Amino acid sequence: MVCVKNNKGFTLIELMLVISLIALLSGLSISVYSSTQTKNDLNIAVSTFVNDARNAQIKARLSSQDDAWSVKIEQSQIILFKGNNFNSRDQSYDQISKISPNITYSGLSDFSFAKVTGLPVVPGSVTLSNVSGQNLTINISSNGVINY
Protein backbone atom coordinates (compact mmCIF):
# COMPACT_ATOMS: atom_id res chain seq x y z
CA MET A 1 0.00 0.00 0.00
CA VAL A 2 1.37 3.40 -0.99
CA CYS A 3 1.04 6.15 1.55
CA VAL A 4 0.71 9.61 0.01
CA LYS A 5 1.43 12.54 2.25
CA ASN A 6 -0.89 15.44 1.55
CA ASN A 7 0.92 18.51 2.93
CA LYS A 8 -1.29 21.52 2.42
CA GLY A 9 -0.72 24.84 4.12
CA PHE A 10 2.19 26.97 5.22
CA THR A 11 4.91 26.35 7.75
CA LEU A 12 5.46 28.64 10.70
CA ILE A 13 8.74 29.90 9.17
CA GLU A 14 6.98 30.91 5.96
CA LEU A 15 4.28 32.80 7.87
CA MET A 16 6.87 34.62 10.00
CA LEU A 17 8.82 35.63 6.89
CA VAL A 18 5.73 37.05 5.19
CA ILE A 19 4.66 38.96 8.30
CA SER A 20 8.14 40.42 8.81
CA LEU A 21 8.29 41.54 5.15
CA ILE A 22 4.90 43.23 5.46
CA ALA A 23 6.03 44.99 8.64
CA LEU A 24 9.26 46.16 6.98
CA LEU A 25 7.44 47.52 3.91
CA SER A 26 4.86 49.25 6.11
CA GLY A 27 7.57 50.95 8.15
CA LEU A 28 9.33 52.21 5.04
CA SER A 29 6.16 53.48 3.41
CA ILE A 30 5.08 55.37 6.55
CA SER A 31 8.40 57.25 6.74
CA VAL A 32 8.25 58.10 3.02
CA TYR A 33 4.63 59.25 3.39
CA SER A 34 5.48 61.43 6.39
CA SER A 35 8.39 63.07 4.57
CA THR A 36 6.26 63.69 1.49
CA GLN A 37 3.44 65.14 3.61
CA THR A 38 5.69 67.68 5.37
CA LYS A 39 7.20 68.78 2.04
CA ASN A 40 3.70 69.06 0.57
CA ASP A 41 2.54 71.18 3.54
CA LEU A 42 5.41 73.61 2.88
CA ASN A 43 4.65 73.84 -0.84
CA ILE A 44 0.96 74.45 -0.16
CA ALA A 45 1.77 77.19 2.39
CA VAL A 46 4.13 78.94 -0.06
CA SER A 47 1.60 78.72 -2.90
CA THR A 48 -1.16 80.04 -0.64
CA PHE A 49 0.95 82.97 0.54
CA VAL A 50 2.04 83.89 -3.00
CA ASN A 51 -1.55 83.63 -4.26
CA ASP A 52 -2.86 85.84 -1.45
CA ALA A 53 -0.05 88.37 -1.94
CA ARG A 54 -0.81 88.57 -5.67
CA ASN A 55 -4.52 88.99 -4.89
CA ALA A 56 -3.71 91.83 -2.48
CA GLN A 57 -1.54 93.43 -5.16
CA ILE A 58 -4.30 93.16 -7.79
CA LYS A 59 -6.94 94.55 -5.42
CA ALA A 60 -4.63 97.47 -4.59
CA ARG A 61 -4.02 98.20 -8.28
CA LEU A 62 -7.75 98.15 -8.95
CA SER A 63 -8.29 100.38 -5.89
CA SER A 64 -10.84 97.84 -4.70
CA GLN A 65 -12.87 99.39 -1.88
CA ASP A 66 -10.81 102.56 -2.48
CA ASP A 67 -7.96 101.42 -0.27
CA ALA A 68 -4.61 99.65 -0.14
CA TRP A 69 -4.58 95.90 0.44
CA SER A 70 -2.24 93.77 2.52
CA VAL A 71 -1.42 90.20 3.41
CA LYS A 72 -0.28 88.94 6.81
CA ILE A 73 1.03 85.53 7.77
CA GLU A 74 0.35 84.13 11.23
CA GLN A 75 0.65 80.71 12.78
CA SER A 76 -1.58 78.35 10.73
CA GLN A 77 -3.22 81.10 8.65
CA ILE A 78 -2.67 83.80 6.06
CA ILE A 79 -4.93 86.84 6.11
CA LEU A 80 -5.66 89.04 3.09
CA PHE A 81 -7.05 92.31 4.45
CA LYS A 82 -8.10 95.78 3.39
CA GLY A 83 -5.82 98.66 4.44
CA ASN A 84 -2.23 99.13 5.51
CA ASN A 85 -2.57 98.47 9.22
CA PHE A 86 -3.57 95.03 10.46
CA ASN A 87 -4.68 96.25 13.89
CA SER A 88 -7.03 98.96 12.57
CA ARG A 89 -8.43 96.98 9.62
CA ASP A 90 -12.09 96.37 8.82
CA GLN A 91 -12.37 92.64 9.57
CA SER A 92 -15.44 92.23 7.37
CA TYR A 93 -13.11 92.31 4.32
CA ASP A 94 -10.70 89.68 5.67
CA GLN A 95 -10.04 86.60 3.56
CA ILE A 96 -8.44 83.90 5.70
CA SER A 97 -6.51 80.98 4.20
CA LYS A 98 -5.60 78.11 6.51
CA ILE A 99 -2.16 76.49 6.34
CA SER A 100 -0.60 73.61 8.24
CA PRO A 101 0.16 74.39 11.90
CA ASN A 102 3.54 72.69 11.34
CA ILE A 103 4.70 75.61 9.17
CA THR A 104 6.72 78.39 10.81
CA TYR A 105 7.81 81.70 9.33
CA SER A 106 10.60 84.21 9.77
CA GLY A 107 11.20 87.60 8.22
CA LEU A 108 8.44 90.06 7.44
CA SER A 109 4.98 88.83 8.35
CA ASP A 110 3.00 91.72 6.87
CA PHE A 111 3.14 93.04 3.28
CA SER A 112 1.09 96.06 2.15
CA PHE A 113 0.51 97.12 -1.43
CA ALA A 114 -0.13 100.77 -2.31
CA LYS A 115 -3.44 101.82 -3.83
CA VAL A 116 -3.32 102.33 -7.64
CA THR A 117 0.33 101.31 -8.17
CA GLY A 118 0.17 97.95 -6.37
CA LEU A 119 3.78 98.40 -5.31
CA PRO A 120 4.80 97.08 -1.91
CA VAL A 121 5.04 99.73 0.80
CA VAL A 122 8.00 97.85 2.28
CA PRO A 123 9.66 95.24 0.06
CA GLY A 124 11.18 92.24 1.75
CA SER A 125 11.04 88.51 2.19
CA VAL A 126 9.51 85.84 4.36
CA THR A 127 10.91 82.34 4.87
CA LEU A 128 8.54 79.46 5.53
CA SER A 129 9.87 76.30 7.19
CA ASN A 130 8.47 72.88 8.00
CA VAL A 131 9.26 70.49 10.85
CA SER A 132 11.84 68.67 8.70
CA GLY A 133 13.92 71.85 8.46
CA GLN A 134 13.14 72.52 4.80
CA ASN A 135 12.85 76.23 3.95
CA LEU A 136 11.42 78.25 1.08
CA THR A 137 11.90 82.01 0.84
CA ILE A 138 9.40 84.33 -0.84
CA ASN A 139 10.79 87.67 -2.04
CA ILE A 140 8.69 90.72 -2.85
CA SER A 141 10.84 93.28 -4.66
CA SER A 142 10.42 97.06 -4.64
CA ASN A 143 8.85 96.92 -8.11
CA GLY A 144 6.25 94.38 -6.93
CA VAL A 145 7.70 91.16 -8.37
CA ILE A 146 6.91 88.16 -6.18
CA ASN A 147 9.19 85.18 -6.58
CA TYR A 148 10.11 82.07 -4.63
C-alpha atoms as a PDB file:
ATOM      1  CA  MET A   1       0.000   0.000   0.000  1.00  0.00           C
ATOM      2  CA  VAL A   2       1.368   3.403  -0.993  1.00  0.00           C
ATOM      3  CA  CYS A   3       1.041   6.154   1.549  1.00  0.00           C
ATOM      4  CA  VAL A   4       0.711   9.610   0.006  1.00  0.00           C
ATOM      5  CA  LYS A   5       1.428  12.544   2.247  1.00  0.00           C
ATOM      6  CA  ASN A   6      -0.892  15.437   1.546  1.00  0.00           C
ATOM      7  CA  ASN A   7       0.922  18.509   2.931  1.00  0.00           C
ATOM      8  CA  LYS A   8      -1.289  21.520   2.418  1.00  0.00           C
ATOM      9  CA  GLY A   9      -0.720  24.844   4.121  1.00  0.00           C
ATOM     10  CA  PHE A  10       2.190  26.973   5.224  1.00  0.00           C
ATOM     11  CA  THR A  11       4.909  26.352   7.749  1.00  0.00           C
ATOM     12  CA  LEU A  12       5.460  28.640  10.701  1.00  0.00           C
ATOM     13  CA  ILE A  13       8.738  29.900   9.170  1.00  0.00           C
ATOM     14  CA  GLU A  14       6.978  30.907   5.957  1.00  0.00           C
ATOM     15  CA  LEU A  15       4.283  32.802   7.866  1.00  0.00           C
ATOM     16  CA  MET A  16       6.869  34.617  10.003  1.00  0.00           C
ATOM     17  CA  LEU A  17       8.819  35.632   6.885  1.00  0.00           C
ATOM     18  CA  VAL A  18       5.734  37.052   5.187  1.00  0.00           C
ATOM     19  CA  ILE A  19       4.657  38.959   8.303  1.00  0.00           C
ATOM     20  CA  SER A  20       8.136  40.425   8.807  1.00  0.00           C
ATOM     21  CA  LEU A  21       8.289  41.541   5.146  1.00  0.00           C
ATOM     22  CA  ILE A  22       4.895  43.225   5.458  1.00  0.00           C
ATOM     23  CA  ALA A  23       6.026  44.992   8.640  1.00  0.00           C
ATOM     24  CA  LEU A  24       9.257  46.158   6.976  1.00  0.00           C
ATOM     25  CA  LEU A  25       7.445  47.520   3.914  1.00  0.00           C
ATOM     26  CA  SER A  26       4.861  49.254   6.115  1.00  0.00           C
ATOM     27  CA  GLY A  27       7.572  50.950   8.148  1.00  0.00           C
ATOM     28  CA  LEU A  28       9.333  52.215   5.036  1.00  0.00           C
ATOM     29  CA  SER A  29       6.157  53.485   3.412  1.00  0.00           C
ATOM     30  CA  ILE A  30       5.078  55.368   6.554  1.00  0.00           C
ATOM     31  CA  SER A  31       8.395  57.248   6.737  1.00  0.00           C
ATOM     32  CA  VAL A  32       8.249  58.099   3.024  1.00  0.00           C
ATOM     33  CA  TYR A  33       4.632  59.254   3.387  1.00  0.00           C
ATOM     34  CA  SER A  34       5.482  61.425   6.386  1.00  0.00           C
ATOM     35  CA  SER A  35       8.390  63.073   4.567  1.00  0.00           C
ATOM     36  CA  THR A  36       6.256  63.687   1.491  1.00  0.00           C
ATOM     37  CA  GLN A  37       3.444  65.137   3.609  1.00  0.00           C
ATOM     38  CA  THR A  38       5.689  67.675   5.372  1.00  0.00           C
ATOM     39  CA  LYS A  39       7.201  68.777   2.038  1.00  0.00           C
ATOM     40  CA  ASN A  40       3.703  69.063   0.565  1.00  0.00           C
ATOM     41  CA  ASP A  41       2.538  71.180   3.540  1.00  0.00           C
ATOM     42  CA  LEU A  42       5.408  73.605   2.885  1.00  0.00           C
ATOM     43  CA  ASN A  43       4.648  73.837  -0.836  1.00  0.00           C
ATOM     44  CA  ILE A  44       0.961  74.453  -0.158  1.00  0.00           C
ATOM     45  CA  ALA A  45       1.769  77.193   2.385  1.00  0.00           C
ATOM     46  CA  VAL A  46       4.129  78.943  -0.064  1.00  0.00           C
ATOM     47  CA  SER A  47       1.596  78.723  -2.902  1.00  0.00           C
ATOM     48  CA  THR A  48      -1.164  80.039  -0.641  1.00  0.00           C
ATOM     49  CA  PHE A  49       0.949  82.975   0.543  1.00  0.00           C
ATOM     50  CA  VAL A  50       2.038  83.891  -2.995  1.00  0.00           C
ATOM     51  CA  ASN A  51      -1.545  83.633  -4.261  1.00  0.00           C
ATOM     52  CA  ASP A  52      -2.864  85.836  -1.447  1.00  0.00           C
ATOM     53  CA  ALA A  53      -0.051  88.368  -1.941  1.00  0.00           C
ATOM     54  CA  ARG A  54      -0.813  88.566  -5.665  1.00  0.00           C
ATOM     55  CA  ASN A  55      -4.520  88.987  -4.893  1.00  0.00           C
ATOM     56  CA  ALA A  56      -3.708  91.826  -2.482  1.00  0.00           C
ATOM     57  CA  GLN A  57      -1.540  93.431  -5.159  1.00  0.00           C
ATOM     58  CA  ILE A  58      -4.298  93.158  -7.788  1.00  0.00           C
ATOM     59  CA  LYS A  59      -6.942  94.551  -5.421  1.00  0.00           C
ATOM     60  CA  ALA A  60      -4.627  97.472  -4.588  1.00  0.00           C
ATOM     61  CA  ARG A  61      -4.022  98.203  -8.277  1.00  0.00           C
ATOM     62  CA  LEU A  62      -7.750  98.147  -8.949  1.00  0.00           C
ATOM     63  CA  SER A  63      -8.289 100.375  -5.891  1.00  0.00           C
ATOM     64  CA  SER A  64     -10.838  97.842  -4.701  1.00  0.00           C
ATOM     65  CA  GLN A  65     -12.873  99.394  -1.878  1.00  0.00           C
ATOM     66  CA  ASP A  66     -10.812 102.561  -2.484  1.00  0.00           C
ATOM     67  CA  ASP A  67      -7.964 101.421  -0.266  1.00  0.00           C
ATOM     68  CA  ALA A  68      -4.609  99.648  -0.142  1.00  0.00           C
ATOM     69  CA  TRP A  69      -4.579  95.900   0.438  1.00  0.00           C
ATOM     70  CA  SER A  70      -2.241  93.775   2.516  1.00  0.00           C
ATOM     71  CA  VAL A  71      -1.415  90.204   3.411  1.00  0.00           C
ATOM     72  CA  LYS A  72      -0.284  88.943   6.812  1.00  0.00           C
ATOM     73  CA  ILE A  73       1.027  85.527   7.770  1.00  0.00           C
ATOM     74  CA  GLU A  74       0.353  84.131  11.226  1.00  0.00           C
ATOM     75  CA  GLN A  75       0.654  80.706  12.782  1.00  0.00           C
ATOM     76  CA  SER A  76      -1.580  78.352  10.730  1.00  0.00           C
ATOM     77  CA  GLN A  77      -3.223  81.098   8.652  1.00  0.00           C
ATOM     78  CA  ILE A  78      -2.674  83.797   6.059  1.00  0.00           C
ATOM     79  CA  ILE A  79      -4.931  86.840   6.105  1.00  0.00           C
ATOM     80  CA  LEU A  80      -5.662  89.040   3.093  1.00  0.00           C
ATOM     81  CA  PHE A  81      -7.052  92.308   4.447  1.00  0.00           C
ATOM     82  CA  LYS A  82      -8.104  95.784   3.391  1.00  0.00           C
ATOM     83  CA  GLY A  83      -5.823  98.656   4.443  1.00  0.00           C
ATOM     84  CA  ASN A  84      -2.226  99.129   5.511  1.00  0.00           C
ATOM     85  CA  ASN A  85      -2.569  98.466   9.220  1.00  0.00           C
ATOM     86  CA  PHE A  86      -3.571  95.030  10.462  1.00  0.00           C
ATOM     87  CA  ASN A  87      -4.678  96.253  13.892  1.00  0.00           C
ATOM     88  CA  SER A  88      -7.029  98.960  12.573  1.00  0.00           C
ATOM     89  CA  ARG A  89      -8.427  96.981   9.624  1.00  0.00           C
ATOM     90  CA  ASP A  90     -12.086  96.367   8.824  1.00  0.00           C
ATOM     91  CA  GLN A  91     -12.367  92.637   9.572  1.00  0.00           C
ATOM     92  CA  SER A  92     -15.438  92.230   7.369  1.00  0.00           C
ATOM     93  CA  TYR A  93     -13.109  92.314   4.323  1.00  0.00           C
ATOM     94  CA  ASP A  94     -10.697  89.684   5.672  1.00  0.00           C
ATOM     95  CA  GLN A  95     -10.040  86.604   3.561  1.00  0.00           C
ATOM     96  CA  ILE A  96      -8.444  83.896   5.699  1.00  0.00           C
ATOM     97  CA  SER A  97      -6.505  80.980   4.204  1.00  0.00           C
ATOM     98  CA  LYS A  98      -5.600  78.106   6.514  1.00  0.00           C
ATOM     99  CA  ILE A  99      -2.159  76.493   6.344  1.00  0.00           C
ATOM    100  CA  SER A 100      -0.600  73.611   8.244  1.00  0.00           C
ATOM    101  CA  PRO A 101       0.155  74.391  11.904  1.00  0.00           C
ATOM    102  CA  ASN A 102       3.544  72.687  11.336  1.00  0.00           C
ATOM    103  CA  ILE A 103       4.703  75.610   9.171  1.00  0.00           C
ATOM    104  CA  THR A 104       6.715  78.388  10.808  1.00  0.00           C
ATOM    105  CA  TYR A 105       7.809  81.695   9.330  1.00  0.00           C
ATOM    106  CA  SER A 106      10.596  84.215   9.765  1.00  0.00           C
ATOM    107  CA  GLY A 107      11.197  87.603   8.218  1.00  0.00           C
ATOM    108  CA  LEU A 108       8.439  90.063   7.440  1.00  0.00           C
ATOM    109  CA  SER A 109       4.977  88.833   8.354  1.00  0.00           C
ATOM    110  CA  ASP A 110       2.995  91.717   6.867  1.00  0.00           C
ATOM    111  CA  PHE A 111       3.136  93.038   3.280  1.00  0.00           C
ATOM    112  CA  SER A 112       1.089  96.056   2.153  1.00  0.00           C
ATOM    113  CA  PHE A 113       0.509  97.117  -1.433  1.00  0.00           C
ATOM    114  CA  ALA A 114      -0.133 100.771  -2.314  1.00  0.00           C
ATOM    115  CA  LYS A 115      -3.435 101.820  -3.831  1.00  0.00           C
ATOM    116  CA  VAL A 116      -3.324 102.332  -7.643  1.00  0.00           C
ATOM    117  CA  THR A 117       0.328 101.309  -8.168  1.00  0.00           C
ATOM    118  CA  GLY A 118       0.172  97.953  -6.373  1.00  0.00           C
ATOM    119  CA  LEU A 119       3.785  98.403  -5.310  1.00  0.00           C
ATOM    120  CA  PRO A 120       4.800  97.076  -1.906  1.00  0.00           C
ATOM    121  CA  VAL A 121       5.039  99.730   0.802  1.00  0.00           C
ATOM    122  CA  VAL A 122       8.002  97.855   2.283  1.00  0.00           C
ATOM    123  CA  PRO A 123       9.663  95.236   0.063  1.00  0.00           C
ATOM    124  CA  GLY A 124      11.177  92.239   1.753  1.00  0.00           C
ATOM    125  CA  SER A 125      11.037  88.506   2.189  1.00  0.00           C
ATOM    126  CA  VAL A 126       9.506  85.839   4.362  1.00  0.00           C
ATOM    127  CA  THR A 127      10.909  82.342   4.870  1.00  0.00           C
ATOM    128  CA  LEU A 128       8.538  79.456   5.528  1.00  0.00           C
ATOM    129  CA  SER A 129       9.874  76.301   7.189  1.00  0.00           C
ATOM    130  CA  ASN A 130       8.475  72.879   7.995  1.00  0.00           C
ATOM    131  CA  VAL A 131       9.260  70.494  10.848  1.00  0.00           C
ATOM    132  CA  SER A 132      11.838  68.674   8.702  1.00  0.00           C
ATOM    133  CA  GLY A 133      13.923  71.848   8.456  1.00  0.00           C
ATOM    134  CA  GLN A 134      13.141  72.518   4.798  1.00  0.00           C
ATOM    135  CA  ASN A 135      12.853  76.235   3.947  1.00  0.00           C
ATOM    136  CA  LEU A 136      11.421  78.246   1.080  1.00  0.00           C
ATOM    137  CA  THR A 137      11.899  82.011   0.842  1.00  0.00           C
ATOM    138  CA  ILE A 138       9.400  84.332  -0.835  1.00  0.00           C
ATOM    139  CA  ASN A 139      10.794  87.672  -2.036  1.00  0.00           C
ATOM    140  CA  ILE A 140       8.693  90.719  -2.850  1.00  0.00           C
ATOM    141  CA  SER A 141      10.837  93.278  -4.664  1.00  0.00           C
ATOM    142  CA  SER A 142      10.424  97.060  -4.642  1.00  0.00           C
ATOM    143  CA  ASN A 143       8.850  96.919  -8.106  1.00  0.00           C
ATOM    144  CA  GLY A 144       6.254  94.378  -6.932  1.00  0.00           C
ATOM    145  CA  VAL A 145       7.698  91.162  -8.370  1.00  0.00           C
ATOM    146  CA  ILE A 146       6.910  88.165  -6.185  1.00  0.00           C
ATOM    147  CA  ASN A 147       9.190  85.176  -6.584  1.00  0.00           C
ATOM    148  CA  TYR A 148      10.111  82.073  -4.626  1.00  0.00           C
END
